[in-house]
PDB file of all heavy atoms in Angstrom:
ATOM      1  N   ASN A   1     -49.739  92.377-181.903  1.00  0.00           N
ATOM      2  CA  ASN A   1     -49.180  91.270-182.688  1.00  0.00           C
ATOM      3  C   ASN A   1     -50.086  90.034-182.686  1.00  0.00           C
ATOM      4  O   ASN A   1     -49.745  89.018-183.282  1.00  0.00           O
ATOM      5  CB  ASN A   1     -47.772  90.899-182.188  1.00  0.00           C
ATOM      6  CG  ASN A   1     -47.757  90.539-180.711  1.00  0.00           C
ATOM      7  OD1 ASN A   1     -48.668  89.872-180.220  1.00  0.00           O
ATOM      8  ND2 ASN A   1     -46.725  90.972-179.985  1.00  0.00           N
ATOM      9  N   ASP A   2     -51.240  90.127-182.028  1.00  0.00           N
ATOM     10  CA  ASP A   2     -52.185  89.018-181.936  1.00  0.00           C
ATOM     11  C   ASP A   2     -53.203  89.142-183.076  1.00  0.00           C
ATOM     12  O   ASP A   2     -54.095  89.983-183.037  1.00  0.00           O
ATOM     13  CB  ASP A   2     -52.880  89.076-180.571  1.00  0.00           C
ATOM     14  CG  ASP A   2     -53.823  87.903-180.351  1.00  0.00           C
ATOM     15  OD1 ASP A   2     -54.377  87.379-181.338  1.00  0.00           O
ATOM     16  OD2 ASP A   2     -54.034  87.530-179.183  1.00  0.00           O
ATOM     17  N   LYS A   3     -53.037  88.296-184.087  1.00  0.00           N
ATOM     18  CA  LYS A   3     -53.895  88.423-185.275  1.00  0.00           C
ATOM     19  C   LYS A   3     -55.349  88.060-185.002  1.00  0.00           C
ATOM     20  O   LYS A   3     -56.260  88.599-185.631  1.00  0.00           O
ATOM     21  CB  LYS A   3     -53.335  87.579-186.420  1.00  0.00           C
ATOM     22  CG  LYS A   3     -52.016  88.132-186.949  1.00  0.00           C
ATOM     23  CD  LYS A   3     -51.650  87.554-188.294  1.00  0.00           C
ATOM     24  CE  LYS A   3     -50.410  88.262-188.865  1.00  0.00           C
ATOM     25  NZ  LYS A   3     -50.082  87.761-190.216  1.00  0.00           N
ATOM     26  N   SER A   4     -55.582  87.159-184.058  1.00  0.00           N
ATOM     27  CA  SER A   4     -56.977  86.811-183.748  1.00  0.00           C
ATOM     28  C   SER A   4     -57.680  87.988-183.090  1.00  0.00           C
ATOM     29  O   SER A   4     -58.856  88.264-183.375  1.00  0.00           O
ATOM     30  CB  SER A   4     -57.037  85.572-182.847  1.00  0.00           C
ATOM     31  OG  SER A   4     -56.430  85.820-181.595  1.00  0.00           O
ATOM     32  N   ALA A   5     -56.966  88.725-182.227  1.00  0.00           N
ATOM     33  CA  ALA A   5     -57.544  89.934-181.620  1.00  0.00           C
ATOM     34  C   ALA A   5     -57.771  91.000-182.696  1.00  0.00           C
ATOM     35  O   ALA A   5     -58.800  91.686-182.698  1.00  0.00           O
ATOM     36  CB  ALA A   5     -56.627  90.473-180.530  1.00  0.00           C
ATOM     37  N   ALA A   6     -56.821  91.124-183.624  1.00  0.00           N
ATOM     38  CA  ALA A   6     -56.960  92.094-184.707  1.00  0.00           C
ATOM     39  C   ALA A   6     -58.197  91.795-185.553  1.00  0.00           C
ATOM     40  O   ALA A   6     -58.964  92.703-185.914  1.00  0.00           O
ATOM     41  CB  ALA A   6     -55.709  92.097-185.582  1.00  0.00           C
ATOM     42  N   LEU A   7     -58.416  90.510-185.847  1.00  0.00           N
ATOM     43  CA  LEU A   7     -59.579  90.130-186.647  1.00  0.00           C
ATOM     44  C   LEU A   7     -60.875  90.421-185.895  1.00  0.00           C
ATOM     45  O   LEU A   7     -61.854  90.902-186.486  1.00  0.00           O
ATOM     46  CB  LEU A   7     -59.494  88.646-187.007  1.00  0.00           C
ATOM     47  CG  LEU A   7     -60.660  88.091-187.839  1.00  0.00           C
ATOM     48  CD1 LEU A   7     -60.815  88.852-189.157  1.00  0.00           C
ATOM     49  CD2 LEU A   7     -60.466  86.599-188.102  1.00  0.00           C
ATOM     50  N   ARG A   8     -60.893  90.187-184.590  1.00  0.00           N
ATOM     51  CA  ARG A   8     -62.093  90.485-183.798  1.00  0.00           C
ATOM     52  C   ARG A   8     -62.406  91.979-183.824  1.00  0.00           C
ATOM     53  O   ARG A   8     -63.577  92.378-183.870  1.00  0.00           O
ATOM     54  CB  ARG A   8     -61.910  90.022-182.348  1.00  0.00           C
ATOM     55  CG  ARG A   8     -61.961  88.532-182.150  1.00  0.00           C
ATOM     56  CD  ARG A   8     -61.781  88.170-180.690  1.00  0.00           C
ATOM     57  NE  ARG A   8     -62.970  88.501-179.902  1.00  0.00           N
ATOM     58  CZ  ARG A   8     -63.028  88.406-178.576  1.00  0.00           C
ATOM     59  NH1 ARG A   8     -61.954  88.004-177.890  1.00  0.00           N
ATOM     60  NH2 ARG A   8     -64.127  88.713-177.928  1.00  0.00           N
ATOM     61  N   ILE A   9     -61.368  92.805-183.787  1.00  0.00           N
ATOM     62  CA  ILE A   9     -61.572  94.256-183.829  1.00  0.00           C
ATOM     63  C   ILE A   9     -62.187  94.660-185.167  1.00  0.00           C
ATOM     64  O   ILE A   9     -63.178  95.398-185.221  1.00  0.00           O
ATOM     65  CB  ILE A   9     -60.236  94.990-183.580  1.00  0.00           C
ATOM     66  CG1 ILE A   9     -59.748  94.744-182.151  1.00  0.00           C
ATOM     67  CG2 ILE A   9     -60.387  96.494-183.831  1.00  0.00           C
ATOM     68  CD1 ILE A   9     -58.333  95.220-181.882  1.00  0.00           C
ATOM     69  N   VAL A  10     -61.616  94.166-186.255  1.00  0.00           N
ATOM     70  CA  VAL A  10     -62.120  94.500-187.594  1.00  0.00           C
ATOM     71  C   VAL A  10     -63.534  93.962-187.786  1.00  0.00           C
ATOM     72  O   VAL A  10     -64.411  94.631-188.348  1.00  0.00           O
ATOM     73  CB  VAL A  10     -61.157  93.978-188.679  1.00  0.00           C
ATOM     74  CG1 VAL A  10     -61.762  94.140-190.070  1.00  0.00           C
ATOM     75  CG2 VAL A  10     -59.818  94.719-188.594  1.00  0.00           C
ATOM     76  N   ASP A  11     -63.784  92.760-187.293  1.00  0.00           N
ATOM     77  CA  ASP A  11     -65.110  92.153-187.422  1.00  0.00           C
ATOM     78  C   ASP A  11     -66.183  92.925-186.657  1.00  0.00           C
ATOM     79  O   ASP A  11     -67.377  92.778-186.934  1.00  0.00           O
ATOM     80  CB  ASP A  11     -65.092  90.703-186.930  1.00  0.00           C
ATOM     81  CG  ASP A  11     -64.545  89.736-187.965  1.00  0.00           C
ATOM     82  OD1 ASP A  11     -64.429  90.116-189.149  1.00  0.00           O
ATOM     83  OD2 ASP A  11     -64.212  88.586-187.588  1.00  0.00           O
ATOM     84  N   ALA A  12     -65.761  93.728-185.677  1.00  0.00           N
ATOM     85  CA  ALA A  12     -66.727  94.489-184.877  1.00  0.00           C
ATOM     86  C   ALA A  12     -67.309  95.682-185.647  1.00  0.00           C
ATOM     87  O   ALA A  12     -68.328  96.251-185.228  1.00  0.00           O
ATOM     88  CB  ALA A  12     -66.077  94.973-183.580  1.00  0.00           C
ATOM     89  N   LEU A  13     -66.668  96.071-186.750  1.00  0.00           N
ATOM     90  CA  LEU A  13     -67.246  97.121-187.590  1.00  0.00           C
ATOM     91  C   LEU A  13     -68.549  96.630-188.215  1.00  0.00           C
ATOM     92  O   LEU A  13     -68.677  95.456-188.563  1.00  0.00           O
ATOM     93  CB  LEU A  13     -66.277  97.514-188.709  1.00  0.00           C
ATOM     94  CG  LEU A  13     -65.067  98.364-188.335  1.00  0.00           C
ATOM     95  CD1 LEU A  13     -64.113  98.461-189.516  1.00  0.00           C
ATOM     96  CD2 LEU A  13     -65.486  99.768-187.887  1.00  0.00           C
ATOM     97  N   GLN A  14     -69.499  97.536-188.379  1.00  0.00           N
ATOM     98  CA  GLN A  14     -70.815  97.180-188.928  1.00  0.00           C
ATOM     99  C   GLN A  14     -71.127  98.023-190.168  1.00  0.00           C
ATOM    100  O   GLN A  14     -71.838  99.023-190.093  1.00  0.00           O
ATOM    101  CB  GLN A  14     -71.891  97.377-187.856  1.00  0.00           C
ATOM    102  CG  GLN A  14     -71.683  96.482-186.641  1.00  0.00           C
ATOM    103  CD  GLN A  14     -72.607  96.819-185.497  1.00  0.00           C
ATOM    104  OE1 GLN A  14     -72.713  97.966-185.079  1.00  0.00           O
ATOM    105  NE2 GLN A  14     -73.308  95.809-184.983  1.00  0.00           N
ATOM    106  N   PRO A  15     -70.572  97.620-191.323  1.00  0.00           N
ATOM    107  CA  PRO A  15     -70.775  98.408-192.540  1.00  0.00           C
ATOM    108  C   PRO A  15     -72.233  98.513-192.961  1.00  0.00           C
ATOM    109  O   PRO A  15     -72.592  99.401-193.736  1.00  0.00           O
ATOM    110  CB  PRO A  15     -69.935  97.669-193.592  1.00  0.00           C
ATOM    111  CG  PRO A  15     -69.674  96.314-193.033  1.00  0.00           C
ATOM    112  CD  PRO A  15     -69.672  96.468-191.552  1.00  0.00           C
ATOM    113  N   GLU A  16     -73.090  97.646-192.421  1.00  0.00           N
ATOM    114  CA  GLU A  16     -74.515  97.742-192.736  1.00  0.00           C
ATOM    115  C   GLU A  16     -75.123  99.051-192.227  1.00  0.00           C
ATOM    116  O   GLU A  16     -76.237  99.426-192.621  1.00  0.00           O
ATOM    117  CB  GLU A  16     -75.283  96.544-192.153  1.00  0.00           C
ATOM    118  CG  GLU A  16     -75.248  96.406-190.649  1.00  0.00           C
ATOM    119  CD  GLU A  16     -74.099  95.538-190.137  1.00  0.00           C
ATOM    120  OE1 GLU A  16     -73.085  95.403-190.859  1.00  0.00           O
ATOM    121  OE2 GLU A  16     -74.222  95.017-189.019  1.00  0.00           O
ATOM    122  N   LEU A  17     -74.374  99.772-191.383  1.00  0.00           N
ATOM    123  CA  LEU A  17     -74.846 101.084-190.922  1.00  0.00           C
ATOM    124  C   LEU A  17     -74.805 102.125-192.039  1.00  0.00           C
ATOM    125  O   LEU A  17     -75.422 103.178-191.918  1.00  0.00           O
ATOM    126  CB  LEU A  17     -74.002 101.567-189.733  1.00  0.00           C
ATOM    127  CG  LEU A  17     -74.109 100.740-188.448  1.00  0.00           C
ATOM    128  CD1 LEU A  17     -73.106 101.234-187.415  1.00  0.00           C
ATOM    129  CD2 LEU A  17     -75.520 100.791-187.888  1.00  0.00           C
ATOM    130  N   GLY A  18     -74.025 101.842-193.093  1.00  0.00           N
ATOM    131  CA  GLY A  18     -74.060 102.722-194.253  1.00  0.00           C
ATOM    132  C   GLY A  18     -72.781 103.458-194.581  1.00  0.00           C
ATOM    133  O   GLY A  18     -72.696 104.115-195.616  1.00  0.00           O
ATOM    134  N   PHE A  19     -71.744 103.350-193.746  1.00  0.00           N
ATOM    135  CA  PHE A  19     -70.496 104.040-194.075  1.00  0.00           C
ATOM    136  C   PHE A  19     -69.769 103.303-195.197  1.00  0.00           C
ATOM    137  O   PHE A  19     -69.815 102.082-195.289  1.00  0.00           O
ATOM    138  CB  PHE A  19     -69.598 104.196-192.845  1.00  0.00           C
ATOM    139  CG  PHE A  19     -69.278 102.916-192.124  1.00  0.00           C
ATOM    140  CD1 PHE A  19     -68.277 102.068-192.579  1.00  0.00           C
ATOM    141  CD2 PHE A  19     -69.979 102.556-190.976  1.00  0.00           C
ATOM    142  CE1 PHE A  19     -67.974 100.888-191.913  1.00  0.00           C
ATOM    143  CE2 PHE A  19     -69.686 101.370-190.302  1.00  0.00           C
ATOM    144  CZ  PHE A  19     -68.685 100.548-190.772  1.00  0.00           C
ATOM    145  N   LYS A  20     -69.095 104.078-196.056  1.00  0.00           N
ATOM    146  CA  LYS A  20     -68.356 103.508-197.185  1.00  0.00           C
ATOM    147  C   LYS A  20     -66.849 103.724-197.064  1.00  0.00           C
ATOM    148  O   LYS A  20     -66.080 103.279-197.909  1.00  0.00           O
ATOM    149  CB  LYS A  20     -68.854 104.110-198.502  1.00  0.00           C
ATOM    150  CG  LYS A  20     -70.311 103.756-198.836  1.00  0.00           C
ATOM    151  CD  LYS A  20     -70.500 102.255-198.974  1.00  0.00           C
ATOM    152  CE  LYS A  20     -71.933 101.893-199.335  1.00  0.00           C
ATOM    153  NZ  LYS A  20     -72.141 100.421-199.320  1.00  0.00           N
ATOM    154  N   GLN A  21     -66.436 104.447-196.024  1.00  0.00           N
ATOM    155  CA  GLN A  21     -65.016 104.675-195.784  1.00  0.00           C
ATOM    156  C   GLN A  21     -64.700 104.347-194.338  1.00  0.00           C
ATOM    157  O   GLN A  21     -65.500 104.623-193.437  1.00  0.00           O
ATOM    158  CB  GLN A  21     -64.646 106.135-196.079  1.00  0.00           C
ATOM    159  CG  GLN A  21     -64.741 106.524-197.549  1.00  0.00           C
ATOM    160  CD  GLN A  21     -64.445 108.000-197.760  1.00  0.00           C
ATOM    161  OE1 GLN A  21     -65.170 108.857-197.255  1.00  0.00           O
ATOM    162  NE2 GLN A  21     -63.380 108.303-198.482  1.00  0.00           N
ATOM    163  N   VAL A  22     -63.514 103.749-194.127  1.00  0.00           N
ATOM    164  CA  VAL A  22     -63.019 103.470-192.784  1.00  0.00           C
ATOM    165  C   VAL A  22     -61.628 104.067-192.665  1.00  0.00           C
ATOM    166  O   VAL A  22     -60.777 103.851-193.542  1.00  0.00           O
ATOM    167  CB  VAL A  22     -62.963 101.950-192.507  1.00  0.00           C
ATOM    168  CG1 VAL A  22     -62.261 101.663-191.187  1.00  0.00           C
ATOM    169  CG2 VAL A  22     -64.363 101.349-192.496  1.00  0.00           C
ATOM    170  N   LEU A  23     -61.397 104.829-191.610  1.00  0.00           N
ATOM    171  CA  LEU A  23     -60.095 105.428-191.366  1.00  0.00           C
ATOM    172  C   LEU A  23     -59.448 104.711-190.184  1.00  0.00           C
ATOM    173  O   LEU A  23     -59.993 104.706-189.078  1.00  0.00           O
ATOM    174  CB  LEU A  23     -60.249 106.920-191.050  1.00  0.00           C
ATOM    175  CG  LEU A  23     -58.971 107.657-190.629  1.00  0.00           C
ATOM    176  CD1 LEU A  23     -57.927 107.637-191.739  1.00  0.00           C
ATOM    177  CD2 LEU A  23     -59.291 109.092-190.205  1.00  0.00           C
ATOM    178  N   GLU A  24     -58.278 104.111-190.437  1.00  0.00           N
ATOM    179  CA  GLU A  24     -57.520 103.505-189.346  1.00  0.00           C
ATOM    180  C   GLU A  24     -56.496 104.506-188.830  1.00  0.00           C
ATOM    181  O   GLU A  24     -55.692 105.049-189.595  1.00  0.00           O
ATOM    182  CB  GLU A  24     -56.802 102.225-189.790  1.00  0.00           C
ATOM    183  CG  GLU A  24     -56.076 101.574-188.619  1.00  0.00           C
ATOM    184  CD  GLU A  24     -55.203 100.385-188.995  1.00  0.00           C
ATOM    185  OE1 GLU A  24     -55.210  99.977-190.174  1.00  0.00           O
ATOM    186  OE2 GLU A  24     -54.506  99.872-188.097  1.00  0.00           O
ATOM    187  N   VAL A  25     -56.513 104.720-187.527  1.00  0.00           N
ATOM    188  CA  VAL A  25     -55.605 105.685-186.888  1.00  0.00           C
ATOM    189  C   VAL A  25     -54.433 104.928-186.274  1.00  0.00           C
ATOM    190  O   VAL A  25     -54.617 103.986-185.499  1.00  0.00           O
ATOM    191  CB  VAL A  25     -56.355 106.480-185.798  1.00  0.00           C
ATOM    192  CG1 VAL A  25     -55.400 107.457-185.096  1.00  0.00           C
ATOM    193  CG2 VAL A  25     -57.541 107.228-186.402  1.00  0.00           C
ATOM    194  N   GLY A  26     -53.217 105.336-186.620  1.00  0.00           N
ATOM    195  CA  GLY A  26     -52.015 104.719-186.066  1.00  0.00           C
ATOM    196  C   GLY A  26     -51.846 103.262-186.422  1.00  0.00           C
ATOM    197  O   GLY A  26     -51.729 102.406-185.539  1.00  0.00           O
ATOM    198  N   PRO A  27     -51.817 102.927-187.716  1.00  0.00           N
ATOM    199  CA  PRO A  27     -51.750 101.514-188.119  1.00  0.00           C
ATOM    200  C   PRO A  27     -50.436 100.810-187.808  1.00  0.00           C
ATOM    201  O   PRO A  27     -50.383  99.579-187.855  1.00  0.00           O
ATOM    202  CB  PRO A  27     -52.000 101.566-189.629  1.00  0.00           C
ATOM    203  CG  PRO A  27     -51.659 102.965-190.038  1.00  0.00           C
ATOM    204  CD  PRO A  27     -51.990 103.831-188.865  1.00  0.00           C
ATOM    205  N   GLY A  28     -49.374 101.552-187.530  1.00  0.00           N
ATOM    206  CA  GLY A  28     -48.111 100.909-187.162  1.00  0.00           C
ATOM    207  C   GLY A  28     -47.564 100.044-188.266  1.00  0.00           C
ATOM    208  O   GLY A  28     -47.099 100.532-189.299  1.00  0.00           O
ATOM    209  N   MET A  29     -47.620  98.723-188.089  1.00  0.00           N
ATOM    210  CA  MET A  29     -47.141  97.788-189.115  1.00  0.00           C
ATOM    211  C   MET A  29     -48.297  97.049-189.792  1.00  0.00           C
ATOM    212  O   MET A  29     -48.087  96.033-190.448  1.00  0.00           O
ATOM    213  CB  MET A  29     -46.129  96.812-188.522  1.00  0.00           C
ATOM    214  CG  MET A  29     -44.795  97.458-188.186  1.00  0.00           C
ATOM    215  SD  MET A  29     -43.506  96.261-187.739  1.00  0.00           S
ATOM    216  CE  MET A  29     -44.107  95.685-186.161  1.00  0.00           C
ATOM    217  N   GLY A  30     -49.519  97.536-189.616  1.00  0.00           N
ATOM    218  CA  GLY A  30     -50.618  97.058-190.446  1.00  0.00           C
ATOM    219  C   GLY A  30     -51.332  95.794-190.016  1.00  0.00           C
ATOM    220  O   GLY A  30     -51.963  95.144-190.848  1.00  0.00           O
ATOM    221  N   VAL A  31     -51.286  95.435-188.733  1.00  0.00           N
ATOM    222  CA  VAL A  31     -51.954  94.195-188.331  1.00  0.00           C
ATOM    223  C   VAL A  31     -53.477  94.296-188.511  1.00  0.00           C
ATOM    224  O   VAL A  31     -54.125  93.328-188.917  1.00  0.00           O
ATOM    225  CB  VAL A  31     -51.578  93.795-186.878  1.00  0.00           C
ATOM    226  CG1 VAL A  31     -52.095  94.795-185.866  1.00  0.00           C
ATOM    227  CG2 VAL A  31     -52.079  92.388-186.555  1.00  0.00           C
ATOM    228  N   LEU A  32     -54.051  95.482-188.250  1.00  0.00           N
ATOM    229  CA  LEU A  32     -55.472  95.688-188.551  1.00  0.00           C
ATOM    230  C   LEU A  32     -55.667  95.935-190.045  1.00  0.00           C
ATOM    231  O   LEU A  32     -56.636  95.448-190.647  1.00  0.00           O
ATOM    232  CB  LEU A  32     -56.030  96.881-187.770  1.00  0.00           C
ATOM    233  CG  LEU A  32     -56.101  96.791-186.247  1.00  0.00           C
ATOM    234  CD1 LEU A  32     -56.724  98.067-185.686  1.00  0.00           C
ATOM    235  CD2 LEU A  32     -56.898  95.588-185.798  1.00  0.00           C
ATOM    236  N   SER A  33     -54.750  96.682-190.643  1.00  0.00           N
ATOM    237  CA  SER A  33     -54.869  97.055-192.058  1.00  0.00           C
ATOM    238  C   SER A  33     -54.979  95.841-192.960  1.00  0.00           C
ATOM    239  O   SER A  33     -55.737  95.841-193.940  1.00  0.00           O
ATOM    240  CB  SER A  33     -53.656  97.895-192.493  1.00  0.00           C
ATOM    241  OG  SER A  33     -53.300  98.847-191.520  1.00  0.00           O
ATOM    242  N   ASP A  34     -54.222  94.784-192.641  1.00  0.00           N
ATOM    243  CA  ASP A  34     -54.259  93.567-193.457  1.00  0.00           C
ATOM    244  C   ASP A  34     -55.686  93.035-193.601  1.00  0.00           C
ATOM    245  O   ASP A  34     -56.096  92.623-194.684  1.00  0.00           O
ATOM    246  CB  ASP A  34     -53.379  92.475-192.828  1.00  0.00           C
ATOM    247  CG  ASP A  34     -51.895  92.680-193.101  1.00  0.00           C
ATOM    248  OD1 ASP A  34     -51.557  93.486-193.991  1.00  0.00           O
ATOM    249  OD2 ASP A  34     -51.080  92.038-192.414  1.00  0.00           O
ATOM    250  N   PHE A  35     -56.421  93.053-192.491  1.00  0.00           N
ATOM    251  CA  PHE A  35     -57.805  92.560-192.522  1.00  0.00           C
ATOM    252  C   PHE A  35     -58.753  93.592-193.141  1.00  0.00           C
ATOM    253  O   PHE A  35     -59.661  93.237-193.899  1.00  0.00           O
ATOM    254  CB  PHE A  35     -58.273  92.198-191.113  1.00  0.00           C
ATOM    255  CG  PHE A  35     -57.560  91.018-190.536  1.00  0.00           C
ATOM    256  CD1 PHE A  35     -56.688  91.167-189.468  1.00  0.00           C
ATOM    257  CD2 PHE A  35     -57.749  89.743-191.056  1.00  0.00           C
ATOM    258  CE1 PHE A  35     -56.024  90.085-188.921  1.00  0.00           C
ATOM    259  CE2 PHE A  35     -57.085  88.643-190.521  1.00  0.00           C
ATOM    260  CZ  PHE A  35     -56.221  88.815-189.450  1.00  0.00           C
ATOM    261  N   LEU A  36     -58.541  94.872-192.826  1.00  0.00           N
ATOM    262  CA  LEU A  36     -59.408  95.923-193.374  1.00  0.00           C
ATOM    263  C   LEU A  36     -59.372  95.927-194.900  1.00  0.00           C
ATOM    264  O   LEU A  36     -60.404  96.099-195.556  1.00  0.00           O
ATOM    265  CB  LEU A  36     -58.967  97.292-192.847  1.00  0.00           C
ATOM    266  CG  LEU A  36     -59.235  97.567-191.370  1.00  0.00           C
ATOM    267  CD1 LEU A  36     -58.450  98.799-190.920  1.00  0.00           C
ATOM    268  CD2 LEU A  36     -60.722  97.767-191.104  1.00  0.00           C
ATOM    269  N   LEU A  37     -58.178  95.728-195.448  1.00  0.00           N
ATOM    270  CA  LEU A  37     -58.020  95.829-196.899  1.00  0.00           C
ATOM    271  C   LEU A  37     -58.566  94.616-197.651  1.00  0.00           C
ATOM    272  O   LEU A  37     -58.601  94.625-198.878  1.00  0.00           O
ATOM    273  CB  LEU A  37     -56.544  96.070-197.239  1.00  0.00           C
ATOM    274  CG  LEU A  37     -56.045  97.477-196.867  1.00  0.00           C
ATOM    275  CD1 LEU A  37     -54.523  97.540-196.860  1.00  0.00           C
ATOM    276  CD2 LEU A  37     -56.625  98.531-197.800  1.00  0.00           C
ATOM    277  N   THR A  38     -59.011  93.601-196.916  1.00  0.00           N
ATOM    278  CA  THR A  38     -59.694  92.477-197.575  1.00  0.00           C
ATOM    279  C   THR A  38     -61.202  92.719-197.652  1.00  0.00           C
ATOM    280  O   THR A  38     -61.931  91.880-198.186  1.00  0.00           O
ATOM    281  CB  THR A  38     -59.455  91.153-196.815  1.00  0.00           C
ATOM    282  OG1 THR A  38     -60.093  91.226-195.529  1.00  0.00           O
ATOM    283  CG2 THR A  38     -57.971  90.886-196.647  1.00  0.00           C
ATOM    284  N   ARG A  39     -61.657  93.861-197.114  1.00  0.00           N
ATOM    285  CA  ARG A  39     -63.107  94.145-197.059  1.00  0.00           C
ATOM    286  C   ARG A  39     -63.494  95.260-198.025  1.00  0.00           C
ATOM    287  O   ARG A  39     -64.433  96.005-197.776  1.00  0.00           O
ATOM    288  CB  ARG A  39     -63.507  94.547-195.631  1.00  0.00           C
ATOM    289  CG  ARG A  39     -62.945  93.678-194.518  1.00  0.00           C
ATOM    290  CD  ARG A  39     -63.601  92.320-194.452  1.00  0.00           C
ATOM    291  NE  ARG A  39     -62.948  91.432-193.502  1.00  0.00           N
ATOM    292  CZ  ARG A  39     -63.291  91.288-192.227  1.00  0.00           C
ATOM    293  NH1 ARG A  39     -64.288  92.004-191.732  1.00  0.00           N
ATOM    294  NH2 ARG A  39     -62.660  90.433-191.452  1.00  0.00           N
ATOM    295  N   GLU A  40     -62.753  95.368-199.110  1.00  0.00           N
ATOM    296  CA  GLU A  40     -62.978  96.484-200.028  1.00  0.00           C
ATOM    297  C   GLU A  40     -64.364  96.455-200.676  1.00  0.00           C
ATOM    298  O   GLU A  40     -64.839  97.477-201.162  1.00  0.00           O
ATOM    299  CB  GLU A  40     -61.896  96.516-201.115  1.00  0.00           C
ATOM    300  CG  GLU A  40     -60.501  96.843-200.596  1.00  0.00           C
ATOM    301  CD  GLU A  40     -60.285  98.327-200.296  1.00  0.00           C
ATOM    302  OE1 GLU A  40     -60.097  99.089-201.254  1.00  0.00           O
ATOM    303  OE2 GLU A  40     -60.299  98.708-199.111  1.00  0.00           O
TER     304      GLU A  40
END
């Protein structure tokens, strides 16, 4: 439920590595998903 921690987790992804898809496992109520879906 800590949105700042959720944002830090999402920010740790490095799309410059070349992946074009991200799979979130067990999103629950979407606290990570909210941030992931702004990075389309």
